[in-house]
Amino acid sequence: MRKQKMVYVIRRDPDYKGKEITAKRELSFGIQLASRLFLDQMSFEFNKDRLDEEINQAIDNGDRAEFERLSLQYTPYTWE
C-alpha cells in the first residue's frame, strides 16, 4: 500500500524574511485500515439494501425473470 503523507507548511512572522519550514506526517496504518474497512462495510450495506428493494419490487410486480436475474446478483451477499 502506498504511503499517504500530509505536508504542513509552518510560516513564521514576516520578520523572518519569507522563509518557510515544512513538516511531513504520515497517516498511521491503523487509521488507513479502519477507514478502508468502514468504507467497505458502508458500500456493502448500501448495495445489499438496494438489491433487497429491487428484489421485493420484482416480487410485487410478479416479474420472474427480473427476480431470477437479481437473485443471482444477490448470492454473494448471503455468505455472511
C-alpha atoms as a PDB file:
ATOM      1  CA  MET A   1       0.000   0.000   0.000  1.00  0.00           C
ATOM      2  CA  ARG A   2       1.331   3.393  -0.929  1.00  0.00           C
ATOM      3  CA  LYS A   3       2.104   5.668   1.968  1.00  0.00           C
ATOM      4  CA  GLN A   4      -0.049   8.743   2.182  1.00  0.00           C
ATOM      5  CA  LYS A   5       1.599  11.827   3.523  1.00  0.00           C
ATOM      6  CA  MET A   6       0.332  15.156   4.727  1.00  0.00           C
ATOM      7  CA  VAL A   7       2.530  18.174   4.283  1.00  0.00           C
ATOM      8  CA  TYR A   8       2.308  21.052   6.707  1.00  0.00           C
ATOM      9  CA  VAL A   9       3.771  24.462   5.968  1.00  0.00           C
ATOM     10  CA  ILE A  10       4.721  26.470   9.013  1.00  0.00           C
ATOM     11  CA  ARG A  11       5.153  30.165   8.375  1.00  0.00           C
ATOM     12  CA  ARG A  12       6.874  32.438  10.778  1.00  0.00           C
ATOM     13  CA  ASP A  13       6.091  36.091  11.155  1.00  0.00           C
ATOM     14  CA  PRO A  14       7.129  38.484   8.337  1.00  0.00           C
ATOM     15  CA  ASP A  15      10.327  39.477  10.120  1.00  0.00           C
ATOM     16  CA  TYR A  16      11.727  36.036   9.270  1.00  0.00           C
ATOM     17  CA  LYS A  17      12.175  37.201   5.654  1.00  0.00           C
ATOM     18  CA  GLY A  18       9.679  34.864   3.992  1.00  0.00           C
ATOM     19  CA  LYS A  19      11.386  31.569   4.829  1.00  0.00           C
ATOM     20  CA  GLU A  20       9.107  28.573   5.358  1.00  0.00           C
ATOM     21  CA  ILE A  21       9.576  25.413   7.378  1.00  0.00           C
ATOM     22  CA  THR A  22       7.874  22.285   6.072  1.00  0.00           C
ATOM     23  CA  ALA A  23       6.950  19.240   8.124  1.00  0.00           C
ATOM     24  CA  LYS A  24       5.559  15.906   6.917  1.00  0.00           C
ATOM     25  CA  ARG A  25       3.352  13.475   8.763  1.00  0.00           C
ATOM     26  CA  GLU A  26       2.383  10.016   7.580  1.00  0.00           C
ATOM     27  CA  LEU A  27      -1.049   8.621   8.278  1.00  0.00           C
ATOM     28  CA  SER A  28      -0.783   5.628  10.573  1.00  0.00           C
ATOM     29  CA  PHE A  29      -1.588   2.176   9.246  1.00  0.00           C
ATOM     30  CA  GLY A  30      -4.362   1.775  11.817  1.00  0.00           C
ATOM     31  CA  ILE A  31      -6.201   4.858  10.576  1.00  0.00           C
ATOM     32  CA  GLN A  32      -5.844   3.777   6.955  1.00  0.00           C
ATOM     33  CA  LEU A  33      -7.112   0.280   7.724  1.00  0.00           C
ATOM     34  CA  ALA A  34     -10.037   1.475   9.828  1.00  0.00           C
ATOM     35  CA  SER A  35     -11.171   3.954   7.177  1.00  0.00           C
ATOM     36  CA  ARG A  36     -10.894   1.346   4.406  1.00  0.00           C
ATOM     37  CA  LEU A  37     -12.903  -1.196   6.438  1.00  0.00           C
ATOM     38  CA  PHE A  38     -15.548   1.392   7.268  1.00  0.00           C
ATOM     39  CA  LEU A  39     -15.980   2.389   3.608  1.00  0.00           C
ATOM     40  CA  ASP A  40     -16.129  -1.263   2.530  1.00  0.00           C
ATOM     41  CA  GLN A  41     -18.824  -2.002   5.112  1.00  0.00           C
ATOM     42  CA  MET A  42     -20.877   1.033   4.103  1.00  0.00           C
ATOM     43  CA  SER A  43     -20.753   0.160   0.389  1.00  0.00           C
ATOM     44  CA  PHE A  44     -21.618  -3.484   1.177  1.00  0.00           C
ATOM     45  CA  GLU A  45     -24.688  -2.471   3.179  1.00  0.00           C
ATOM     46  CA  PHE A  46     -25.798   0.074   0.560  1.00  0.00           C
ATOM     47  CA  ASN A  47     -25.558  -2.433  -2.307  1.00  0.00           C
ATOM     48  CA  LYS A  48     -27.294  -5.160  -0.290  1.00  0.00           C
ATOM     49  CA  ASP A  49     -30.187  -2.857   0.697  1.00  0.00           C
ATOM     50  CA  ARG A  50     -30.574  -1.655  -2.906  1.00  0.00           C
ATOM     51  CA  LEU A  51     -30.763  -5.240  -4.177  1.00  0.00           C
ATOM     52  CA  ASP A  52     -33.257  -6.127  -1.426  1.00  0.00           C
ATOM     53  CA  GLU A  53     -35.541  -3.318  -2.559  1.00  0.00           C
ATOM     54  CA  GLU A  54     -35.258  -4.288  -6.228  1.00  0.00           C
ATOM     55  CA  ILE A  55     -35.961  -7.956  -5.459  1.00  0.00           C
ATOM     56  CA  ASN A  56     -39.013  -7.019  -3.383  1.00  0.00           C
ATOM     57  CA  GLN A  57     -40.268  -4.798  -6.193  1.00  0.00           C
ATOM     58  CA  ALA A  58     -39.817  -7.635  -8.716  1.00  0.00           C
ATOM     59  CA  ILE A  59     -41.787  -9.971  -6.428  1.00  0.00           C
ATOM     60  CA  ASP A  60     -44.569  -7.394  -6.051  1.00  0.00           C
ATOM     61  CA  ASN A  61     -44.729  -6.923  -9.841  1.00  0.00           C
ATOM     62  CA  GLY A  62     -44.661 -10.673 -10.493  1.00  0.00           C
ATOM     63  CA  ASP A  63     -41.647 -10.345 -12.803  1.00  0.00           C
ATOM     64  CA  ARG A  64     -39.978 -13.741 -12.501  1.00  0.00           C
ATOM     65  CA  ALA A  65     -37.163 -13.070 -14.997  1.00  0.00           C
ATOM     66  CA  GLU A  66     -36.132  -9.901 -13.158  1.00  0.00           C
ATOM     67  CA  PHE A  67     -36.316 -11.735  -9.832  1.00  0.00           C
ATOM     68  CA  GLU A  68     -34.022 -14.511 -11.074  1.00  0.00           C
ATOM     69  CA  ARG A  69     -31.538 -12.009 -12.512  1.00  0.00           C
ATOM     70  CA  LEU A  70     -31.417 -10.039  -9.263  1.00  0.00           C
ATOM     71  CA  SER A  71     -31.215 -13.152  -7.110  1.00  0.00           C
ATOM     72  CA  LEU A  72     -28.053 -14.196  -8.979  1.00  0.00           C
ATOM     73  CA  GLN A  73     -26.541 -10.807  -8.152  1.00  0.00           C
ATOM     74  CA  TYR A  74     -27.626 -11.208  -4.518  1.00  0.00           C
ATOM     75  CA  THR A  75     -25.905 -14.573  -3.905  1.00  0.00           C
ATOM     76  CA  PRO A  76     -22.539 -13.081  -2.793  1.00  0.00           C
ATOM     77  CA  TYR A  77     -24.380 -11.197  -0.032  1.00  0.00           C
ATOM     78  CA  THR A  78     -25.689 -14.439   1.501  1.00  0.00           C
ATOM     79  CA  TRP A  79     -22.196 -15.596   2.545  1.00  0.00           C
ATOM     80  CA  GLU A  80     -22.224 -13.682   5.813  1.00  0.00           C
END
